Amino acid sequence: MLNFEITYKSSFCVQWPRILVLHNDVIVKEIDCDQSKFLFSIEPEDQNSLSLQWINKSQKHTKTHNGKIVQDQTFELLNIRIDGIQIEEWFWTDAYYTPKYFDGFLKQYKDQRKNEILPEKIKSQLVWHFPGTFSFTTFPLDFWDWYFDKKQDKEVIKFLDKDPDRIHKFRGSLDPCVELVHKIKKFL
């Protein structure tokens, strides 16, 4: 079981953002984003696709006055912890946001920016202004081994020529510190 804690910032306009958490296209949880974080758990399978889907925003959730936005319903992804462990930013900045643009926005965009193509998928988009789906990178059954391998690919570990075992030291050891525990017990 993997236990997720997602920290976010949202803004209210008519109502709070409503997010669906999907694991392999199955709804795991539905959240009204009126707090600062939400929790959910998944049971990993051989392949795992995880996504957040913003389902309730429409044009009525953006209020304008004289052509300027005065109030808007927004969602911003701030942080992720899995099993209580802080996950590095690349886990969510490697993800993609697929917005569902409003018809009014599409018309305005087309009129004002004739030569610019509006992206269908946006990498690393952490602030959302449109409903849509935020899809994380697919990961295998053993999330933590996969995470370590990906982290290792992204990390620059210096001085490997002087200490070839540095990669394994970088990951840490799962062996308990028996001597340290024994010393602490003596003091207690």
N, C-alpha and C. Protein backbone atom coordinates (compact mmCIF):
# COMPACT_ATOMS: atom_id res chain seq x y z
N MET A 1 0.84 -1.18 0.00
CA MET A 1 0.00 0.00 0.00
C MET A 1 0.89 1.24 0.00
N LEU A 2 0.58 2.20 -0.85
CA LEU A 2 1.27 3.49 -0.87
C LEU A 2 0.30 4.55 -0.36
N ASN A 3 0.75 5.32 0.62
CA ASN A 3 -0.08 6.35 1.23
C ASN A 3 0.42 7.73 0.79
N PHE A 4 -0.43 8.46 0.10
CA PHE A 4 -0.09 9.76 -0.46
C PHE A 4 -0.65 10.89 0.41
N GLU A 5 0.13 11.95 0.51
CA GLU A 5 -0.32 13.20 1.11
C GLU A 5 0.02 14.30 0.12
N ILE A 6 -1.00 14.95 -0.41
CA ILE A 6 -0.78 16.01 -1.40
C ILE A 6 -1.15 17.34 -0.76
N THR A 7 -0.18 18.25 -0.76
CA THR A 7 -0.39 19.60 -0.24
C THR A 7 -0.66 20.51 -1.44
N TYR A 8 -1.62 21.39 -1.29
CA TYR A 8 -2.02 22.24 -2.41
C TYR A 8 -2.49 23.61 -1.90
N LYS A 9 -2.72 24.50 -2.85
CA LYS A 9 -3.33 25.79 -2.57
C LYS A 9 -4.47 25.93 -3.57
N SER A 10 -5.63 26.34 -3.10
CA SER A 10 -6.75 26.52 -4.01
C SER A 10 -7.46 27.83 -3.69
N SER A 11 -8.25 28.29 -4.63
CA SER A 11 -9.02 29.52 -4.40
C SER A 11 -10.49 29.25 -4.68
N PHE A 12 -11.32 29.92 -3.93
CA PHE A 12 -12.77 29.76 -4.00
C PHE A 12 -13.36 30.80 -4.94
N CYS A 13 -14.24 30.35 -5.81
CA CYS A 13 -15.08 31.23 -6.62
C CYS A 13 -16.33 30.43 -6.97
N VAL A 14 -17.43 30.77 -6.39
CA VAL A 14 -18.71 30.07 -6.48
C VAL A 14 -18.66 28.78 -5.66
N GLN A 15 -17.62 27.99 -5.82
CA GLN A 15 -17.39 26.79 -5.02
C GLN A 15 -15.91 26.44 -5.07
N TRP A 16 -15.51 25.49 -4.23
CA TRP A 16 -14.11 25.06 -4.21
C TRP A 16 -13.84 24.10 -5.36
N PRO A 17 -12.58 24.01 -5.81
CA PRO A 17 -12.25 23.01 -6.83
C PRO A 17 -12.56 21.59 -6.32
N ARG A 18 -13.04 20.74 -7.21
CA ARG A 18 -13.30 19.34 -6.88
C ARG A 18 -12.37 18.49 -7.75
N ILE A 19 -11.58 17.64 -7.06
CA ILE A 19 -10.57 16.82 -7.73
C ILE A 19 -10.92 15.34 -7.53
N LEU A 20 -10.78 14.57 -8.61
CA LEU A 20 -10.86 13.12 -8.53
C LEU A 20 -9.44 12.57 -8.59
N VAL A 21 -9.16 11.60 -7.72
CA VAL A 21 -7.88 10.87 -7.78
C VAL A 21 -8.18 9.56 -8.48
N LEU A 22 -7.44 9.29 -9.56
CA LEU A 22 -7.63 8.05 -10.31
C LEU A 22 -6.36 7.21 -10.29
N HIS A 23 -6.53 5.94 -10.00
CA HIS A 23 -5.43 4.98 -10.06
C HIS A 23 -5.82 3.94 -11.09
N ASN A 24 -5.04 3.85 -12.17
CA ASN A 24 -5.36 2.96 -13.30
C ASN A 24 -6.79 3.16 -13.78
N ASP A 25 -7.17 4.44 -13.91
CA ASP A 25 -8.48 4.87 -14.41
C ASP A 25 -9.65 4.50 -13.51
N VAL A 26 -9.38 4.15 -12.25
CA VAL A 26 -10.43 3.86 -11.28
C VAL A 26 -10.39 4.97 -10.23
N ILE A 27 -11.56 5.54 -9.92
CA ILE A 27 -11.63 6.62 -8.94
C ILE A 27 -11.30 6.08 -7.55
N VAL A 28 -10.29 6.68 -6.93
CA VAL A 28 -9.85 6.29 -5.58
C VAL A 28 -10.49 7.22 -4.55
N LYS A 29 -10.60 8.51 -4.90
CA LYS A 29 -11.11 9.48 -3.94
C LYS A 29 -11.60 10.71 -4.69
N GLU A 30 -12.62 11.36 -4.12
CA GLU A 30 -13.11 12.64 -4.63
C GLU A 30 -12.92 13.66 -3.52
N ILE A 31 -12.31 14.80 -3.86
CA ILE A 31 -11.94 15.78 -2.85
C ILE A 31 -12.50 17.14 -3.20
N ASP A 32 -13.16 17.80 -2.24
CA ASP A 32 -13.46 19.22 -2.34
C ASP A 32 -12.26 19.93 -1.74
N CYS A 33 -11.57 20.73 -2.52
CA CYS A 33 -10.29 21.32 -2.12
C CYS A 33 -10.49 22.59 -1.29
N ASP A 34 -11.03 22.41 -0.09
CA ASP A 34 -11.28 23.54 0.81
C ASP A 34 -10.34 23.52 2.01
N GLN A 35 -9.29 22.75 1.94
CA GLN A 35 -8.29 22.65 3.02
C GLN A 35 -6.93 23.04 2.44
N SER A 36 -5.87 22.37 2.88
CA SER A 36 -4.54 22.61 2.32
C SER A 36 -3.85 21.32 1.91
N LYS A 37 -4.47 20.17 2.24
CA LYS A 37 -3.90 18.90 1.81
C LYS A 37 -4.99 17.83 1.80
N PHE A 38 -4.72 16.74 1.06
CA PHE A 38 -5.62 15.59 1.10
C PHE A 38 -4.78 14.32 1.09
N LEU A 39 -5.38 13.25 1.61
CA LEU A 39 -4.71 11.96 1.75
C LEU A 39 -5.48 10.91 0.95
N PHE A 40 -4.72 9.96 0.40
CA PHE A 40 -5.34 8.80 -0.23
C PHE A 40 -4.31 7.68 -0.29
N SER A 41 -4.80 6.47 -0.48
CA SER A 41 -3.92 5.30 -0.57
C SER A 41 -4.26 4.50 -1.82
N ILE A 42 -3.22 3.84 -2.35
CA ILE A 42 -3.45 2.93 -3.49
C ILE A 42 -2.71 1.62 -3.21
N GLU A 43 -3.24 0.58 -3.77
CA GLU A 43 -2.58 -0.73 -3.74
C GLU A 43 -1.88 -0.89 -5.08
N PRO A 44 -0.54 -0.82 -5.11
CA PRO A 44 0.16 -0.88 -6.40
C PRO A 44 -0.11 -2.18 -7.16
N GLU A 45 -0.17 -2.03 -8.48
CA GLU A 45 -0.33 -3.16 -9.38
C GLU A 45 0.93 -3.26 -10.23
N ASP A 46 0.95 -4.17 -11.21
CA ASP A 46 2.14 -4.33 -12.05
C ASP A 46 2.54 -3.01 -12.71
N GLN A 47 1.57 -2.28 -13.26
CA GLN A 47 1.80 -0.94 -13.81
C GLN A 47 0.78 -0.01 -13.18
N ASN A 48 1.23 1.21 -12.82
CA ASN A 48 0.37 2.13 -12.09
C ASN A 48 0.35 3.50 -12.75
N SER A 49 -0.82 3.89 -13.20
CA SER A 49 -1.00 5.25 -13.69
C SER A 49 -1.81 5.99 -12.64
N LEU A 50 -1.34 7.15 -12.29
CA LEU A 50 -1.97 7.96 -11.25
C LEU A 50 -2.26 9.33 -11.83
N SER A 51 -3.49 9.81 -11.63
CA SER A 51 -3.83 11.13 -12.16
C SER A 51 -4.78 11.85 -11.22
N LEU A 52 -4.76 13.17 -11.34
CA LEU A 52 -5.68 14.05 -10.62
C LEU A 52 -6.53 14.73 -11.68
N GLN A 53 -7.84 14.66 -11.52
CA GLN A 53 -8.73 15.21 -12.53
C GLN A 53 -9.61 16.29 -11.89
N TRP A 54 -9.50 17.50 -12.39
CA TRP A 54 -10.31 18.62 -11.90
C TRP A 54 -11.62 18.60 -12.67
N ILE A 55 -12.73 18.39 -11.96
CA ILE A 55 -13.98 18.08 -12.65
C ILE A 55 -15.05 19.17 -12.59
N ASN A 56 -14.95 20.13 -11.67
CA ASN A 56 -16.10 21.00 -11.49
C ASN A 56 -15.94 22.43 -12.01
N LYS A 57 -14.81 22.79 -12.57
CA LYS A 57 -14.66 24.18 -12.99
C LYS A 57 -15.32 24.42 -14.34
N SER A 58 -16.05 25.53 -14.40
CA SER A 58 -16.64 25.98 -15.65
C SER A 58 -16.39 27.49 -15.76
N GLN A 59 -16.89 28.11 -16.80
CA GLN A 59 -16.65 29.54 -16.98
C GLN A 59 -17.27 30.36 -15.86
N LYS A 60 -18.31 29.84 -15.20
CA LYS A 60 -18.94 30.60 -14.11
C LYS A 60 -18.02 30.71 -12.89
N HIS A 61 -16.95 29.90 -12.85
CA HIS A 61 -16.01 29.94 -11.73
C HIS A 61 -14.88 30.95 -11.95
N THR A 62 -15.00 31.75 -13.00
CA THR A 62 -14.08 32.86 -13.25
C THR A 62 -14.92 34.11 -13.42
N LYS A 63 -14.79 35.05 -12.47
CA LYS A 63 -15.57 36.28 -12.52
C LYS A 63 -14.70 37.41 -13.05
N THR A 64 -15.27 38.15 -14.00
CA THR A 64 -14.53 39.26 -14.61
C THR A 64 -15.29 40.56 -14.42
N HIS A 65 -14.54 41.65 -14.50
CA HIS A 65 -15.12 42.99 -14.46
C HIS A 65 -14.32 43.84 -15.43
N ASN A 66 -14.97 44.42 -16.42
CA ASN A 66 -14.31 45.22 -17.46
C ASN A 66 -13.19 44.45 -18.15
N GLY A 67 -13.42 43.17 -18.39
CA GLY A 67 -12.45 42.35 -19.10
C GLY A 67 -11.29 41.83 -18.26
N LYS A 68 -11.29 42.12 -16.98
CA LYS A 68 -10.21 41.65 -16.10
C LYS A 68 -10.78 40.64 -15.10
N ILE A 69 -9.99 39.61 -14.81
CA ILE A 69 -10.42 38.60 -13.85
C ILE A 69 -10.33 39.19 -12.44
N VAL A 70 -11.43 39.16 -11.71
CA VAL A 70 -11.45 39.69 -10.34
C VAL A 70 -11.52 38.57 -9.30
N GLN A 71 -12.01 37.41 -9.71
CA GLN A 71 -12.07 36.26 -8.82
C GLN A 71 -12.05 35.01 -9.68
N ASP A 72 -11.28 33.99 -9.23
CA ASP A 72 -11.14 32.79 -10.05
C ASP A 72 -10.97 31.57 -9.15
N GLN A 73 -11.47 30.46 -9.60
CA GLN A 73 -11.24 29.19 -8.93
C GLN A 73 -9.97 28.59 -9.53
N THR A 74 -8.95 28.38 -8.68
CA THR A 74 -7.68 27.84 -9.16
C THR A 74 -7.22 26.71 -8.25
N PHE A 75 -6.25 25.95 -8.74
CA PHE A 75 -5.66 24.86 -7.96
C PHE A 75 -4.16 24.86 -8.24
N GLU A 76 -3.36 24.74 -7.17
CA GLU A 76 -1.91 24.70 -7.32
C GLU A 76 -1.34 23.54 -6.51
N LEU A 77 -0.62 22.67 -7.16
CA LEU A 77 0.04 21.53 -6.52
C LEU A 77 1.33 22.03 -5.87
N LEU A 78 1.49 21.81 -4.55
CA LEU A 78 2.65 22.33 -3.83
C LEU A 78 3.66 21.26 -3.41
N ASN A 79 3.17 20.09 -2.96
CA ASN A 79 4.08 19.11 -2.38
C ASN A 79 3.44 17.73 -2.36
N ILE A 80 4.28 16.70 -2.38
CA ILE A 80 3.79 15.33 -2.28
C ILE A 80 4.66 14.56 -1.30
N ARG A 81 4.01 13.81 -0.43
CA ARG A 81 4.68 12.86 0.44
C ARG A 81 4.05 11.49 0.18
N ILE A 82 4.91 10.47 0.16
CA ILE A 82 4.42 9.10 0.02
C ILE A 82 4.96 8.32 1.20
N ASP A 83 4.08 7.65 1.91
CA ASP A 83 4.44 6.91 3.12
C ASP A 83 5.21 7.81 4.10
N GLY A 84 4.83 9.09 4.15
CA GLY A 84 5.45 10.04 5.06
C GLY A 84 6.79 10.58 4.58
N ILE A 85 7.25 10.16 3.41
CA ILE A 85 8.55 10.57 2.89
C ILE A 85 8.37 11.67 1.85
N GLN A 86 9.12 12.75 2.02
CA GLN A 86 9.08 13.86 1.07
C GLN A 86 9.55 13.38 -0.30
N ILE A 87 8.72 13.53 -1.31
CA ILE A 87 9.06 13.11 -2.66
C ILE A 87 9.68 14.29 -3.40
N GLU A 88 10.73 14.02 -4.15
CA GLU A 88 11.41 15.10 -4.86
C GLU A 88 10.55 15.67 -5.98
N GLU A 89 10.80 16.94 -6.28
CA GLU A 89 9.98 17.66 -7.24
C GLU A 89 9.89 17.00 -8.60
N TRP A 90 10.93 16.32 -9.05
CA TRP A 90 10.89 15.72 -10.39
C TRP A 90 9.72 14.75 -10.53
N PHE A 91 9.25 14.18 -9.42
CA PHE A 91 8.12 13.24 -9.49
C PHE A 91 6.89 13.92 -10.07
N TRP A 92 6.66 15.18 -9.70
CA TRP A 92 5.51 15.86 -10.28
C TRP A 92 5.87 16.80 -11.42
N THR A 93 7.11 17.24 -11.53
CA THR A 93 7.44 18.08 -12.68
C THR A 93 7.67 17.26 -13.95
N ASP A 94 7.81 15.95 -13.84
CA ASP A 94 7.84 15.08 -15.01
C ASP A 94 6.42 14.77 -15.51
N ALA A 95 5.42 15.22 -14.77
CA ALA A 95 4.03 14.93 -15.10
C ALA A 95 3.50 15.90 -16.17
N TYR A 96 2.31 15.60 -16.68
CA TYR A 96 1.67 16.42 -17.71
C TYR A 96 0.27 16.83 -17.28
N TYR A 97 -0.05 18.07 -17.61
CA TYR A 97 -1.39 18.62 -17.37
C TYR A 97 -2.08 18.75 -18.73
N THR A 98 -3.26 18.20 -18.84
CA THR A 98 -4.05 18.28 -20.07
C THR A 98 -5.30 19.10 -19.76
N PRO A 99 -5.26 20.41 -20.05
CA PRO A 99 -6.41 21.26 -19.72
C PRO A 99 -7.56 21.08 -20.71
N LYS A 100 -8.77 21.33 -20.22
CA LYS A 100 -9.96 21.37 -21.07
C LYS A 100 -10.36 22.85 -21.14
N TYR A 101 -9.88 23.52 -22.18
CA TYR A 101 -10.09 24.96 -22.32
C TYR A 101 -11.57 25.28 -22.54
N PHE A 102 -12.00 26.44 -22.02
CA PHE A 102 -13.37 26.90 -22.22
C PHE A 102 -13.53 27.42 -23.65
N ASP A 103 -14.73 27.31 -24.21
CA ASP A 103 -14.99 27.79 -25.56
C ASP A 103 -14.67 29.28 -25.69
N GLY A 104 -15.08 30.07 -24.69
CA GLY A 104 -14.81 31.51 -24.72
C GLY A 104 -13.32 31.80 -24.75
N PHE A 105 -12.55 31.06 -23.98
CA PHE A 105 -11.10 31.24 -23.96
C PHE A 105 -10.49 30.86 -25.31
N LEU A 106 -10.95 29.75 -25.89
CA LEU A 106 -10.43 29.31 -27.18
C LEU A 106 -10.68 30.36 -28.27
N LYS A 107 -11.87 30.96 -28.26
CA LYS A 107 -12.19 31.99 -29.25
C LYS A 107 -11.31 33.22 -29.04
N GLN A 108 -11.19 33.65 -27.79
CA GLN A 108 -10.36 34.82 -27.47
C GLN A 108 -8.90 34.56 -27.84
N TYR A 109 -8.41 33.38 -27.53
CA TYR A 109 -7.02 33.02 -27.85
C TYR A 109 -6.79 33.05 -29.36
N LYS A 110 -7.73 32.47 -30.08
CA LYS A 110 -7.62 32.41 -31.55
C LYS A 110 -7.62 33.81 -32.15
N ASP A 111 -8.45 34.71 -31.60
CA ASP A 111 -8.53 36.08 -32.12
C ASP A 111 -7.27 36.88 -31.81
N GLN A 112 -6.69 36.68 -30.63
CA GLN A 112 -5.55 37.50 -30.20
C GLN A 112 -4.19 36.93 -30.58
N ARG A 113 -4.07 35.63 -30.70
CA ARG A 113 -2.78 35.00 -30.96
C ARG A 113 -2.89 34.06 -32.15
N LYS A 114 -3.03 34.64 -33.29
CA LYS A 114 -3.29 33.87 -34.51
C LYS A 114 -2.16 32.92 -34.89
N ASN A 115 -0.93 33.26 -34.55
CA ASN A 115 0.20 32.45 -34.97
C ASN A 115 0.73 31.51 -33.89
N GLU A 116 0.12 31.52 -32.73
CA GLU A 116 0.58 30.66 -31.63
C GLU A 116 -0.36 29.48 -31.46
N ILE A 117 0.22 28.30 -31.33
CA ILE A 117 -0.58 27.10 -31.13
C ILE A 117 -0.80 26.90 -29.63
N LEU A 118 -2.02 26.65 -29.25
CA LEU A 118 -2.37 26.41 -27.85
C LEU A 118 -2.02 24.96 -27.51
N PRO A 119 -1.19 24.73 -26.49
CA PRO A 119 -0.77 23.35 -26.21
C PRO A 119 -1.90 22.49 -25.66
N GLU A 120 -1.90 21.24 -26.09
CA GLU A 120 -2.89 20.28 -25.59
C GLU A 120 -2.43 19.65 -24.28
N LYS A 121 -1.12 19.44 -24.16
CA LYS A 121 -0.52 18.90 -22.94
C LYS A 121 0.58 19.85 -22.50
N ILE A 122 0.63 20.13 -21.18
CA ILE A 122 1.62 21.05 -20.66
C ILE A 122 2.44 20.32 -19.60
N LYS A 123 3.75 20.24 -19.82
CA LYS A 123 4.63 19.56 -18.87
C LYS A 123 4.85 20.45 -17.65
N SER A 124 4.84 19.84 -16.48
CA SER A 124 5.16 20.50 -15.22
C SER A 124 4.22 21.64 -14.84
N GLN A 125 3.02 21.66 -15.33
CA GLN A 125 2.08 22.74 -15.01
C GLN A 125 1.50 22.49 -13.62
N LEU A 126 1.94 23.26 -12.64
CA LEU A 126 1.52 23.04 -11.25
C LEU A 126 0.38 23.96 -10.82
N VAL A 127 0.18 25.07 -11.52
CA VAL A 127 -0.95 25.96 -11.25
C VAL A 127 -1.96 25.75 -12.37
N TRP A 128 -3.18 25.38 -11.98
CA TRP A 128 -4.21 25.05 -12.96
C TRP A 128 -5.29 26.12 -12.96
N HIS A 129 -5.66 26.57 -14.15
CA HIS A 129 -6.72 27.56 -14.30
C HIS A 129 -7.92 27.00 -15.04
N PHE A 130 -7.76 25.83 -15.63
CA PHE A 130 -8.83 25.18 -16.38
C PHE A 130 -9.05 23.78 -15.82
N PRO A 131 -10.26 23.25 -15.98
CA PRO A 131 -10.43 21.85 -15.60
C PRO A 131 -9.54 20.99 -16.50
N GLY A 132 -9.22 19.83 -16.04
CA GLY A 132 -8.37 18.96 -16.84
C GLY A 132 -7.78 17.85 -16.00
N THR A 133 -6.78 17.19 -16.56
CA THR A 133 -6.18 16.02 -15.92
C THR A 133 -4.68 16.22 -15.77
N PHE A 134 -4.17 15.95 -14.58
CA PHE A 134 -2.74 15.98 -14.30
C PHE A 134 -2.30 14.54 -14.16
N SER A 135 -1.45 14.07 -15.08
CA SER A 135 -1.05 12.66 -15.13
C SER A 135 0.42 12.50 -14.75
N PHE A 136 0.65 11.70 -13.71
CA PHE A 136 2.01 11.40 -13.27
C PHE A 136 2.61 10.32 -14.16
N THR A 137 3.93 10.20 -14.11
CA THR A 137 4.63 9.15 -14.85
C THR A 137 4.18 7.78 -14.33
N THR A 138 3.94 6.86 -15.24
CA THR A 138 3.55 5.50 -14.86
C THR A 138 4.72 4.84 -14.12
N PHE A 139 4.39 4.12 -13.06
CA PHE A 139 5.43 3.44 -12.28
C PHE A 139 5.05 1.98 -12.04
N PRO A 140 6.05 1.12 -11.80
CA PRO A 140 5.79 -0.32 -11.63
C PRO A 140 5.34 -0.67 -10.21
N LEU A 141 5.17 -1.95 -9.99
CA LEU A 141 4.72 -2.49 -8.71
C LEU A 141 5.60 -2.03 -7.55
N ASP A 142 6.90 -2.16 -7.69
CA ASP A 142 7.81 -1.77 -6.62
C ASP A 142 8.18 -0.30 -6.78
N PHE A 143 7.32 0.55 -6.24
CA PHE A 143 7.49 2.00 -6.39
C PHE A 143 8.84 2.46 -5.88
N TRP A 144 9.28 2.01 -4.70
CA TRP A 144 10.49 2.57 -4.08
C TRP A 144 11.76 2.20 -4.85
N ASP A 145 11.85 1.00 -5.41
CA ASP A 145 13.01 0.68 -6.25
C ASP A 145 13.00 1.53 -7.52
N TRP A 146 11.82 1.68 -8.11
CA TRP A 146 11.68 2.52 -9.30
C TRP A 146 12.07 3.96 -8.97
N TYR A 147 11.59 4.47 -7.84
CA TYR A 147 11.88 5.85 -7.42
C TYR A 147 13.38 6.04 -7.23
N PHE A 148 14.04 5.07 -6.58
CA PHE A 148 15.49 5.17 -6.38
C PHE A 148 16.22 5.20 -7.71
N ASP A 149 15.85 4.32 -8.64
CA ASP A 149 16.51 4.28 -9.95
C ASP A 149 16.32 5.60 -10.69
N LYS A 150 15.10 6.14 -10.69
CA LYS A 150 14.84 7.42 -11.35
C LYS A 150 15.60 8.55 -10.68
N LYS A 151 15.61 8.52 -9.35
CA LYS A 151 16.34 9.56 -8.60
C LYS A 151 17.82 9.50 -8.93
N GLN A 152 18.35 8.30 -8.98
CA GLN A 152 19.76 8.11 -9.27
C GLN A 152 20.09 8.62 -10.68
N ASP A 153 19.19 8.40 -11.64
CA ASP A 153 19.40 8.90 -13.00
C ASP A 153 19.44 10.43 -13.04
N LYS A 154 18.69 11.06 -12.15
CA LYS A 154 18.59 12.52 -12.15
C LYS A 154 19.65 13.19 -11.28
N GLU A 155 20.20 12.46 -10.32
CA GLU A 155 21.19 13.03 -9.41
C GLU A 155 22.57 13.06 -10.04
N VAL A 156 23.33 14.06 -9.68
CA VAL A 156 24.73 14.12 -10.06
C VAL A 156 25.52 13.77 -8.80
N ILE A 157 26.09 12.57 -8.80
CA ILE A 157 26.85 12.12 -7.65
C ILE A 157 28.33 12.29 -7.98
N LYS A 158 28.96 13.17 -7.22
CA LYS A 158 30.35 13.52 -7.51
C LYS A 158 31.32 12.54 -6.86
N PHE A 159 32.53 12.52 -7.37
CA PHE A 159 33.66 11.76 -6.84
C PHE A 159 33.47 10.25 -6.91
N LEU A 160 32.71 9.76 -7.90
CA LEU A 160 32.56 8.32 -8.06
C LEU A 160 33.88 7.66 -8.44
N ASP A 161 34.77 8.41 -9.08
CA ASP A 161 36.07 7.84 -9.44
C ASP A 161 36.90 7.54 -8.19
N LYS A 162 36.71 8.32 -7.12
CA LYS A 162 37.47 8.11 -5.88
C LYS A 162 36.78 7.13 -4.94
N ASP A 163 35.45 7.04 -5.06
CA ASP A 163 34.68 6.17 -4.17
C ASP A 163 33.56 5.51 -4.98
N PRO A 164 33.86 4.39 -5.67
CA PRO A 164 32.85 3.75 -6.52
C PRO A 164 31.61 3.26 -5.77
N ASP A 165 31.73 3.01 -4.47
CA ASP A 165 30.58 2.56 -3.69
C ASP A 165 29.68 3.72 -3.25
N ARG A 166 30.02 4.92 -3.67
CA ARG A 166 29.28 6.11 -3.24
C ARG A 166 27.79 6.03 -3.62
N ILE A 167 27.46 5.42 -4.75
CA ILE A 167 26.06 5.30 -5.16
C ILE A 167 25.28 4.53 -4.10
N HIS A 168 25.83 3.42 -3.63
CA HIS A 168 25.12 2.62 -2.63
C HIS A 168 25.06 3.36 -1.30
N LYS A 169 26.10 4.12 -0.97
CA LYS A 169 26.08 4.92 0.24
C LYS A 169 25.06 6.05 0.12
N PHE A 170 24.91 6.56 -1.09
CA PHE A 170 23.97 7.64 -1.36
C PHE A 170 22.54 7.20 -1.05
N ARG A 171 22.23 5.95 -1.39
CA ARG A 171 20.89 5.43 -1.12
C ARG A 171 20.68 5.17 0.36
N GLY A 172 21.72 4.81 1.05
CA GLY A 172 21.58 4.50 2.46
C GLY A 172 21.49 3.00 2.65
N SER A 173 21.58 2.60 3.87
CA SER A 173 21.57 1.19 4.19
C SER A 173 20.30 0.84 4.95
N LEU A 174 19.78 -0.32 4.67
CA LEU A 174 18.61 -0.79 5.40
C LEU A 174 19.00 -1.59 6.64
N ASP A 175 20.31 -1.82 6.80
CA ASP A 175 20.78 -2.57 7.97
C ASP A 175 20.57 -1.74 9.23
N PRO A 176 20.03 -2.34 10.29
CA PRO A 176 19.83 -1.59 11.52
C PRO A 176 21.17 -1.29 12.19
N CYS A 177 21.20 -0.22 12.91
CA CYS A 177 22.41 0.20 13.62
C CYS A 177 22.40 -0.47 15.00
N VAL A 178 22.76 -1.73 15.03
CA VAL A 178 22.66 -2.53 16.25
C VAL A 178 23.49 -1.93 17.39
N GLU A 179 24.72 -1.54 17.09
CA GLU A 179 25.59 -0.99 18.13
C GLU A 179 25.02 0.30 18.71
N LEU A 180 24.52 1.17 17.84
CA LEU A 180 23.95 2.43 18.30
C LEU A 180 22.72 2.19 19.17
N VAL A 181 21.86 1.28 18.75
CA VAL A 181 20.68 0.96 19.54
C VAL A 181 21.08 0.42 20.91
N HIS A 182 22.10 -0.43 20.95
CA HIS A 182 22.59 -0.99 22.21
C HIS A 182 23.10 0.12 23.14
N LYS A 183 23.85 1.06 22.61
CA LYS A 183 24.37 2.18 23.40
C LYS A 183 23.23 3.05 23.94
N ILE A 184 22.24 3.30 23.10
CA ILE A 184 21.10 4.11 23.55
C ILE A 184 20.34 3.40 24.66
N LYS A 185 20.17 2.09 24.54
CA LYS A 185 19.49 1.32 25.58
C LYS A 185 20.24 1.40 26.90
N LYS A 186 21.57 1.42 26.84
CA LYS A 186 22.38 1.54 28.08
C LYS A 186 22.09 2.85 28.79
N PHE A 187 21.96 3.93 28.02
CA PHE A 187 21.69 5.23 28.61
C PHE A 187 20.29 5.31 29.21
N LEU A 188 19.38 4.59 28.65
CA LEU A 188 17.99 4.63 29.15
C LEU A 188 17.87 3.75 30.35
